[in-house]
Amino acid sequence: MYQHITTVRVRYAETDQMDIVYYGNYAQYFEVGRAECIRELGFTYKKMEEMGVRMPVVAMEAKFLRPAHYDDLITIKTTLKELPVKHEIAFHHEVYNERKKLLTTGRVALYFIDSKTGKRSSLPDELREKLTPFFTDQAL
């Protein structure tokens, strides 16, 4: 299992009249979590595209348990529970407030797509090498 944690300060523009983060903004919070998760491994979406791989989102789900508010410092925990073996990678997200209360959970699935052919591909070898040590028990 591979985990990454990042924080984001809720901006005023992300809230509604009730001082609650608008639910659609969680897609962006999940993206921040994913982007920083792969950045920690030495990758960015730009680098993946330079390698000839695109990663479109194909599914997203979220469960809203408690609200986040303007100026809250939220923590986004992003987890890869499985090493991708085919064309799909799934990121699991948990969003917490400063009191460590779980606010939202989510799962976002992306496909690896070959930029030239537009067809599904698999996890790039370079990224597989970085992730494999976190999943040694998965191979047993």
C-alpha atoms as a PDB file:
ATOM      1  CA  MET A   1       0.000   0.000   0.000  1.00  0.00           C
ATOM      2  CA  TYR A   2       1.234   3.475  -0.836  1.00  0.00           C
ATOM      3  CA  GLN A   3      -0.013   6.594   0.978  1.00  0.00           C
ATOM      4  CA  HIS A   4       0.575  10.294   0.659  1.00  0.00           C
ATOM      5  CA  ILE A   5      -0.717  13.177   2.763  1.00  0.00           C
ATOM      6  CA  THR A   6      -1.066  16.791   1.695  1.00  0.00           C
ATOM      7  CA  THR A   7      -2.876  19.822   3.095  1.00  0.00           C
ATOM      8  CA  VAL A   8      -4.966  22.532   1.485  1.00  0.00           C
ATOM      9  CA  ARG A   9      -6.452  25.699   2.968  1.00  0.00           C
ATOM     10  CA  VAL A  10     -10.130  26.117   2.000  1.00  0.00           C
ATOM     11  CA  ARG A  11     -10.545  29.334   0.019  1.00  0.00           C
ATOM     12  CA  TYR A  12     -13.601  31.563   0.272  1.00  0.00           C
ATOM     13  CA  ALA A  13     -14.482  30.942  -3.384  1.00  0.00           C
ATOM     14  CA  GLU A  14     -14.808  27.207  -2.646  1.00  0.00           C
ATOM     15  CA  THR A  15     -17.693  27.715  -0.196  1.00  0.00           C
ATOM     16  CA  ASP A  16     -21.381  28.389  -0.668  1.00  0.00           C
ATOM     17  CA  GLN A  17     -23.689  30.791   1.176  1.00  0.00           C
ATOM     18  CA  MET A  18     -23.845  28.359   4.080  1.00  0.00           C
ATOM     19  CA  ASP A  19     -20.045  28.641   4.591  1.00  0.00           C
ATOM     20  CA  ILE A  20     -19.709  25.004   3.493  1.00  0.00           C
ATOM     21  CA  VAL A  21     -17.333  23.741   0.808  1.00  0.00           C
ATOM     22  CA  TYR A  22     -19.371  23.170  -2.347  1.00  0.00           C
ATOM     23  CA  TYR A  23     -19.426  19.428  -3.065  1.00  0.00           C
ATOM     24  CA  GLY A  24     -18.041  19.828  -6.596  1.00  0.00           C
ATOM     25  CA  ASN A  25     -14.771  21.159  -5.187  1.00  0.00           C
ATOM     26  CA  TYR A  26     -13.916  17.758  -3.739  1.00  0.00           C
ATOM     27  CA  ALA A  27     -13.006  16.594  -7.258  1.00  0.00           C
ATOM     28  CA  GLN A  28     -10.287  19.266  -7.201  1.00  0.00           C
ATOM     29  CA  TYR A  29      -9.159  18.279  -3.709  1.00  0.00           C
ATOM     30  CA  PHE A  30      -8.894  14.658  -4.868  1.00  0.00           C
ATOM     31  CA  GLU A  31      -6.865  15.830  -7.870  1.00  0.00           C
ATOM     32  CA  VAL A  32      -4.478  17.748  -5.608  1.00  0.00           C
ATOM     33  CA  GLY A  33      -4.064  14.563  -3.570  1.00  0.00           C
ATOM     34  CA  ARG A  34      -3.367  12.441  -6.669  1.00  0.00           C
ATOM     35  CA  ALA A  35      -0.989  14.947  -8.225  1.00  0.00           C
ATOM     36  CA  GLU A  36       1.061  15.318  -5.040  1.00  0.00           C
ATOM     37  CA  CYS A  37       0.984  11.558  -4.491  1.00  0.00           C
ATOM     38  CA  ILE A  38       2.659  10.825  -7.822  1.00  0.00           C
ATOM     39  CA  ARG A  39       4.921  13.897  -7.512  1.00  0.00           C
ATOM     40  CA  GLU A  40       6.402  12.386  -4.360  1.00  0.00           C
ATOM     41  CA  LEU A  41       7.376   9.389  -6.509  1.00  0.00           C
ATOM     42  CA  GLY A  42       9.120  11.666  -9.003  1.00  0.00           C
ATOM     43  CA  PHE A  43       6.299  11.922 -11.544  1.00  0.00           C
ATOM     44  CA  THR A  44       3.868  14.568 -12.722  1.00  0.00           C
ATOM     45  CA  TYR A  45       1.015  14.379 -15.199  1.00  0.00           C
ATOM     46  CA  LYS A  46       3.223  16.390 -17.551  1.00  0.00           C
ATOM     47  CA  LYS A  47       6.036  13.838 -17.247  1.00  0.00           C
ATOM     48  CA  MET A  48       3.546  11.010 -17.864  1.00  0.00           C
ATOM     49  CA  GLU A  49       2.371  12.791 -21.024  1.00  0.00           C
ATOM     50  CA  GLU A  50       5.995  13.209 -22.129  1.00  0.00           C
ATOM     51  CA  MET A  51       6.345   9.439 -21.653  1.00  0.00           C
ATOM     52  CA  GLY A  52       3.400   8.970 -24.035  1.00  0.00           C
ATOM     53  CA  VAL A  53       0.793   8.186 -21.374  1.00  0.00           C
ATOM     54  CA  ARG A  54      -2.418  10.037 -20.617  1.00  0.00           C
ATOM     55  CA  MET A  55      -4.475   9.385 -17.506  1.00  0.00           C
ATOM     56  CA  PRO A  56      -8.128  10.377 -17.889  1.00  0.00           C
ATOM     57  CA  VAL A  57     -10.525   9.982 -14.984  1.00  0.00           C
ATOM     58  CA  VAL A  58     -13.079   7.271 -15.810  1.00  0.00           C
ATOM     59  CA  ALA A  59     -14.962   7.070 -12.500  1.00  0.00           C
ATOM     60  CA  MET A  60     -15.319   9.068  -9.308  1.00  0.00           C
ATOM     61  CA  GLU A  61     -17.340   8.531  -6.181  1.00  0.00           C
ATOM     62  CA  ALA A  62     -17.523  10.481  -2.949  1.00  0.00           C
ATOM     63  CA  LYS A  63     -19.267  10.195   0.383  1.00  0.00           C
ATOM     64  CA  PHE A  64     -19.788  13.399   2.331  1.00  0.00           C
ATOM     65  CA  LEU A  65     -19.819  12.847   6.099  1.00  0.00           C
ATOM     66  CA  ARG A  66     -19.148  16.303   7.558  1.00  0.00           C
ATOM     67  CA  PRO A  67     -18.676  19.753   6.025  1.00  0.00           C
ATOM     68  CA  ALA A  68     -15.467  21.687   5.556  1.00  0.00           C
ATOM     69  CA  HIS A  69     -15.636  25.470   5.956  1.00  0.00           C
ATOM     70  CA  TYR A  70     -13.835  28.574   4.751  1.00  0.00           C
ATOM     71  CA  ASP A  71     -10.260  28.849   6.056  1.00  0.00           C
ATOM     72  CA  ASP A  72     -10.170  25.251   7.346  1.00  0.00           C
ATOM     73  CA  LEU A  73      -6.853  23.540   6.810  1.00  0.00           C
ATOM     74  CA  ILE A  74      -7.894  20.194   5.370  1.00  0.00           C
ATOM     75  CA  THR A  75      -5.729  17.110   5.070  1.00  0.00           C
ATOM     76  CA  ILE A  76      -6.076  14.912   2.013  1.00  0.00           C
ATOM     77  CA  LYS A  77      -4.868  11.348   2.502  1.00  0.00           C
ATOM     78  CA  THR A  78      -4.413   9.555  -0.812  1.00  0.00           C
ATOM     79  CA  THR A  79      -3.913   5.797  -0.890  1.00  0.00           C
ATOM     80  CA  LEU A  80      -3.086   3.303  -3.581  1.00  0.00           C
ATOM     81  CA  LYS A  81      -4.367   0.054  -2.113  1.00  0.00           C
ATOM     82  CA  GLU A  82      -3.268  -2.116  -5.043  1.00  0.00           C
ATOM     83  CA  LEU A  83      -0.459  -2.039  -7.543  1.00  0.00           C
ATOM     84  CA  PRO A  84      -2.109  -1.615 -10.948  1.00  0.00           C
ATOM     85  CA  VAL A  85      -1.818  -4.761 -13.046  1.00  0.00           C
ATOM     86  CA  LYS A  86      -3.816  -3.669 -16.091  1.00  0.00           C
ATOM     87  CA  HIS A  87      -4.893  -0.324 -17.517  1.00  0.00           C
ATOM     88  CA  GLU A  88      -6.650   1.087 -14.428  1.00  0.00           C
ATOM     89  CA  ILE A  89      -5.289   2.810 -11.345  1.00  0.00           C
ATOM     90  CA  ALA A  90      -7.545   3.611  -8.372  1.00  0.00           C
ATOM     91  CA  PHE A  91      -6.814   6.326  -5.837  1.00  0.00           C
ATOM     92  CA  HIS A  92      -8.677   6.263  -2.524  1.00  0.00           C
ATOM     93  CA  HIS A  93      -9.068   9.574  -0.718  1.00  0.00           C
ATOM     94  CA  GLU A  94      -9.916  10.655   2.808  1.00  0.00           C
ATOM     95  CA  VAL A  95     -10.323  14.317   3.722  1.00  0.00           C
ATOM     96  CA  TYR A  96      -9.924  15.407   7.348  1.00  0.00           C
ATOM     97  CA  ASN A  97     -10.318  18.702   9.174  1.00  0.00           C
ATOM     98  CA  GLU A  98      -7.811  20.147  11.650  1.00  0.00           C
ATOM     99  CA  ARG A  99      -9.447  18.241  14.500  1.00  0.00           C
ATOM    100  CA  LYS A 100      -8.714  15.015  12.569  1.00  0.00           C
ATOM    101  CA  LYS A 101     -12.416  14.389  11.934  1.00  0.00           C
ATOM    102  CA  LEU A 102     -13.115  12.503   8.718  1.00  0.00           C
ATOM    103  CA  LEU A 103     -15.100  14.771   6.391  1.00  0.00           C
ATOM    104  CA  THR A 104     -15.231  13.014   3.044  1.00  0.00           C
ATOM    105  CA  THR A 105     -14.124   9.778   1.429  1.00  0.00           C
ATOM    106  CA  GLY A 106     -13.729   9.087  -2.246  1.00  0.00           C
ATOM    107  CA  ARG A 107     -12.371   6.843  -4.942  1.00  0.00           C
ATOM    108  CA  VAL A 108     -11.131   8.016  -8.328  1.00  0.00           C
ATOM    109  CA  ALA A 109     -10.250   5.597 -11.130  1.00  0.00           C
ATOM    110  CA  LEU A 110      -8.095   6.557 -14.085  1.00  0.00           C
ATOM    111  CA  TYR A 111      -6.997   4.641 -17.176  1.00  0.00           C
ATOM    112  CA  PHE A 112      -3.522   4.579 -18.661  1.00  0.00           C
ATOM    113  CA  ILE A 113      -3.986   5.581 -22.305  1.00  0.00           C
ATOM    114  CA  ASP A 114      -1.307   5.456 -25.021  1.00  0.00           C
ATOM    115  CA  SER A 115      -1.069   9.021 -26.361  1.00  0.00           C
ATOM    116  CA  LYS A 116      -0.331   7.878 -29.928  1.00  0.00           C
ATOM    117  CA  THR A 117      -2.950   5.165 -30.350  1.00  0.00           C
ATOM    118  CA  GLY A 118      -5.602   6.378 -27.927  1.00  0.00           C
ATOM    119  CA  LYS A 119      -5.895   2.807 -26.641  1.00  0.00           C
ATOM    120  CA  ARG A 120      -5.598   1.538 -23.106  1.00  0.00           C
ATOM    121  CA  SER A 121      -2.090   0.696 -21.979  1.00  0.00           C
ATOM    122  CA  SER A 122      -0.591  -0.362 -18.670  1.00  0.00           C
ATOM    123  CA  LEU A 123       1.305   1.168 -15.785  1.00  0.00           C
ATOM    124  CA  PRO A 124       4.572   2.592 -17.182  1.00  0.00           C
ATOM    125  CA  ASP A 125       7.583   0.491 -16.153  1.00  0.00           C
ATOM    126  CA  GLU A 126       9.340   3.476 -14.552  1.00  0.00           C
ATOM    127  CA  LEU A 127       6.366   4.141 -12.275  1.00  0.00           C
ATOM    128  CA  ARG A 128       5.961   0.414 -11.562  1.00  0.00           C
ATOM    129  CA  GLU A 129       9.569   0.300 -10.329  1.00  0.00           C
ATOM    130  CA  LYS A 130       8.876   3.175  -7.914  1.00  0.00           C
ATOM    131  CA  LEU A 131       5.639   1.640  -6.580  1.00  0.00           C
ATOM    132  CA  THR A 132       6.572  -2.042  -6.362  1.00  0.00           C
ATOM    133  CA  PRO A 133       8.473  -1.797  -3.023  1.00  0.00           C
ATOM    134  CA  PHE A 134       5.248  -0.573  -1.378  1.00  0.00           C
ATOM    135  CA  PHE A 135       3.386  -3.679  -2.557  1.00  0.00           C
ATOM    136  CA  THR A 136       5.819  -6.513  -1.824  1.00  0.00           C
ATOM    137  CA  ASP A 137       3.138  -8.396   0.131  1.00  0.00           C
ATOM    138  CA  GLN A 138       0.817  -8.210  -2.901  1.00  0.00           C
ATOM    139  CA  ALA A 139       3.180 -10.386  -4.958  1.00  0.00           C
ATOM    140  CA  LEU A 140       3.307 -13.157  -2.335  1.00  0.00           C
END
